[in-house]
Amino acid sequence: MPTPSWLTLLLIVLILIGVAVGRVPGLHMNRASIALVGATLLLLRGALTLTQAFAALDLNTLTLLFAM
């Protein structure tokens, strides 16, 4: 079921605010977990397909992060 565009926009705004703030008080979530939960919610709501999600991954950045 496709999600309404206003709901998708609201979800993206909430994700960006959460990542900008860095933590969600009371939930013990850091930036990485906020981004992961946000991406999962976008996938579950149908706003993003798996193909689009995989295409958005930057393997060079992931390699750098995992090498740290």
N, C-alpha and C. Protein backbone atom coordinates (compact mmCIF):
# COMPACT_ATOMS: atom_id res chain seq x y z
N MET A 1 0.84 -1.17 0.00
CA MET A 1 0.00 0.00 0.00
C MET A 1 0.88 1.24 0.00
N PRO A 2 0.80 2.07 -1.03
CA PRO A 2 1.63 3.27 -1.07
C PRO A 2 1.24 4.25 0.03
N THR A 3 2.24 4.89 0.55
CA THR A 3 2.02 5.82 1.64
C THR A 3 1.69 7.21 1.10
N PRO A 4 0.84 7.98 1.77
CA PRO A 4 0.56 9.35 1.31
C PRO A 4 1.84 10.19 1.35
N SER A 5 1.96 11.11 0.43
CA SER A 5 3.19 11.90 0.33
C SER A 5 3.41 12.76 1.57
N TRP A 6 2.35 13.26 2.20
CA TRP A 6 2.54 14.10 3.39
C TRP A 6 3.08 13.28 4.56
N LEU A 7 2.68 12.01 4.63
CA LEU A 7 3.17 11.15 5.70
C LEU A 7 4.65 10.80 5.48
N THR A 8 5.00 10.57 4.24
CA THR A 8 6.40 10.31 3.90
C THR A 8 7.26 11.52 4.23
N LEU A 9 6.78 12.70 3.86
CA LEU A 9 7.51 13.93 4.14
C LEU A 9 7.67 14.13 5.65
N LEU A 10 6.62 13.89 6.41
CA LEU A 10 6.68 14.02 7.86
C LEU A 10 7.70 13.04 8.46
N LEU A 11 7.70 11.82 7.96
CA LEU A 11 8.63 10.81 8.45
C LEU A 11 10.07 11.22 8.16
N ILE A 12 10.33 11.71 6.96
CA ILE A 12 11.68 12.14 6.58
C ILE A 12 12.13 13.32 7.44
N VAL A 13 11.22 14.26 7.68
CA VAL A 13 11.56 15.42 8.52
C VAL A 13 11.90 14.96 9.94
N LEU A 14 11.12 14.04 10.48
CA LEU A 14 11.40 13.52 11.83
C LEU A 14 12.73 12.79 11.88
N ILE A 15 13.06 12.04 10.84
CA ILE A 15 14.34 11.34 10.79
C ILE A 15 15.48 12.36 10.76
N LEU A 16 15.36 13.38 9.92
CA LEU A 16 16.42 14.38 9.82
C LEU A 16 16.58 15.16 11.13
N ILE A 17 15.49 15.48 11.79
CA ILE A 17 15.58 16.16 13.09
C ILE A 17 16.27 15.25 14.10
N GLY A 18 15.90 13.99 14.12
CA GLY A 18 16.53 13.05 15.04
C GLY A 18 18.02 12.90 14.80
N VAL A 19 18.42 12.84 13.53
CA VAL A 19 19.84 12.72 13.20
C VAL A 19 20.57 14.02 13.55
N ALA A 20 19.93 15.17 13.32
CA ALA A 20 20.56 16.45 13.64
C ALA A 20 20.74 16.62 15.15
N VAL A 21 19.73 16.23 15.93
CA VAL A 21 19.82 16.35 17.38
C VAL A 21 20.83 15.34 17.93
N GLY A 22 20.84 14.16 17.37
CA GLY A 22 21.82 13.15 17.76
C GLY A 22 21.32 12.09 18.70
N ARG A 23 20.29 12.38 19.48
CA ARG A 23 19.73 11.41 20.41
C ARG A 23 18.24 11.65 20.56
N VAL A 24 17.54 10.58 20.85
CA VAL A 24 16.12 10.69 21.17
C VAL A 24 16.00 10.43 22.67
N PRO A 25 15.65 11.46 23.45
CA PRO A 25 15.59 11.28 24.90
C PRO A 25 14.58 10.19 25.30
N GLY A 26 15.00 9.34 26.20
CA GLY A 26 14.13 8.29 26.70
C GLY A 26 14.15 7.01 25.88
N LEU A 27 14.66 7.06 24.66
CA LEU A 27 14.69 5.86 23.82
C LEU A 27 16.08 5.26 23.67
N HIS A 28 17.10 5.96 24.13
CA HIS A 28 18.48 5.49 24.03
C HIS A 28 18.85 5.17 22.58
N MET A 29 18.55 6.09 21.67
CA MET A 29 18.87 5.91 20.26
C MET A 29 19.91 6.95 19.86
N ASN A 30 20.97 6.50 19.18
CA ASN A 30 21.95 7.43 18.66
C ASN A 30 21.66 7.69 17.18
N ARG A 31 22.52 8.45 16.53
CA ARG A 31 22.28 8.82 15.13
C ARG A 31 22.17 7.60 14.21
N ALA A 32 23.03 6.63 14.41
CA ALA A 32 23.00 5.44 13.55
C ALA A 32 21.70 4.67 13.70
N SER A 33 21.25 4.49 14.92
CA SER A 33 20.01 3.74 15.12
C SER A 33 18.80 4.53 14.63
N ILE A 34 18.83 5.85 14.75
CA ILE A 34 17.74 6.68 14.22
C ILE A 34 17.67 6.53 12.71
N ALA A 35 18.82 6.58 12.04
CA ALA A 35 18.85 6.43 10.59
C ALA A 35 18.39 5.04 10.16
N LEU A 36 18.81 4.02 10.89
CA LEU A 36 18.43 2.64 10.55
C LEU A 36 16.93 2.42 10.74
N VAL A 37 16.39 2.89 11.85
CA VAL A 37 14.95 2.75 12.09
C VAL A 37 14.17 3.56 11.06
N GLY A 38 14.65 4.75 10.73
CA GLY A 38 13.98 5.58 9.73
C GLY A 38 13.95 4.93 8.36
N ALA A 39 15.08 4.36 7.95
CA ALA A 39 15.13 3.67 6.66
C ALA A 39 14.20 2.46 6.65
N THR A 40 14.16 1.74 7.76
CA THR A 40 13.26 0.59 7.87
C THR A 40 11.80 1.02 7.77
N LEU A 41 11.45 2.12 8.45
CA LEU A 41 10.07 2.61 8.38
C LEU A 41 9.71 3.04 6.96
N LEU A 42 10.64 3.68 6.26
CA LEU A 42 10.37 4.07 4.87
C LEU A 42 10.16 2.84 3.99
N LEU A 43 10.93 1.79 4.23
CA LEU A 43 10.75 0.55 3.47
C LEU A 43 9.41 -0.10 3.79
N LEU A 44 9.06 -0.16 5.07
CA LEU A 44 7.81 -0.80 5.47
C LEU A 44 6.59 -0.03 4.98
N ARG A 45 6.67 1.28 4.91
CA ARG A 45 5.54 2.10 4.46
C ARG A 45 5.41 2.12 2.94
N GLY A 46 6.39 1.58 2.23
CA GLY A 46 6.32 1.54 0.78
C GLY A 46 6.81 2.81 0.11
N ALA A 47 7.42 3.70 0.88
CA ALA A 47 7.93 4.95 0.32
C ALA A 47 9.24 4.73 -0.41
N LEU A 48 9.88 3.59 -0.15
CA LEU A 48 11.17 3.27 -0.72
C LEU A 48 11.18 1.78 -1.03
N THR A 49 11.66 1.42 -2.21
CA THR A 49 11.76 0.00 -2.55
C THR A 49 13.14 -0.52 -2.16
N LEU A 50 13.27 -1.83 -2.11
CA LEU A 50 14.58 -2.41 -1.79
C LEU A 50 15.61 -2.05 -2.84
N THR A 51 15.20 -2.01 -4.09
CA THR A 51 16.12 -1.64 -5.17
C THR A 51 16.62 -0.22 -4.97
N GLN A 52 15.73 0.70 -4.63
CA GLN A 52 16.14 2.08 -4.37
C GLN A 52 17.05 2.17 -3.15
N ALA A 53 16.75 1.38 -2.13
CA ALA A 53 17.58 1.40 -0.92
C ALA A 53 18.99 0.90 -1.22
N PHE A 54 19.10 -0.18 -1.97
CA PHE A 54 20.43 -0.69 -2.32
C PHE A 54 21.17 0.27 -3.23
N ALA A 55 20.46 0.93 -4.13
CA ALA A 55 21.10 1.90 -5.02
C ALA A 55 21.62 3.12 -4.25
N ALA A 56 21.03 3.42 -3.11
CA ALA A 56 21.45 4.58 -2.32
C ALA A 56 22.68 4.30 -1.48
N LEU A 57 23.07 3.05 -1.33
CA LEU A 57 24.25 2.72 -0.54
C LEU A 57 25.52 3.14 -1.27
N ASP A 58 26.45 3.75 -0.55
CA ASP A 58 27.75 4.11 -1.10
C ASP A 58 28.77 3.15 -0.51
N LEU A 59 29.23 2.22 -1.33
CA LEU A 59 30.12 1.18 -0.84
C LEU A 59 31.46 1.72 -0.37
N ASN A 60 31.95 2.80 -0.98
CA ASN A 60 33.21 3.39 -0.52
C ASN A 60 33.07 3.92 0.90
N THR A 61 31.97 4.58 1.19
CA THR A 61 31.74 5.11 2.54
C THR A 61 31.57 3.97 3.54
N LEU A 62 30.82 2.95 3.17
CA LEU A 62 30.64 1.80 4.07
C LEU A 62 31.97 1.10 4.35
N THR A 63 32.80 0.96 3.33
CA THR A 63 34.11 0.35 3.52
C THR A 63 34.96 1.18 4.48
N LEU A 64 34.94 2.49 4.31
CA LEU A 64 35.69 3.37 5.20
C LEU A 64 35.18 3.25 6.64
N LEU A 65 33.87 3.25 6.82
CA LEU A 65 33.31 3.16 8.17
C LEU A 65 33.63 1.82 8.83
N PHE A 66 33.53 0.74 8.08
CA PHE A 66 33.81 -0.58 8.66
C PHE A 66 35.31 -0.77 8.93
N ALA A 67 36.16 -0.04 8.22
CA ALA A 67 37.60 -0.16 8.42
C ALA A 67 38.09 0.62 9.64
N MET A 68 37.25 1.48 10.17
CA MET A 68 37.67 2.32 11.31
C MET A 68 37.73 1.52 12.59
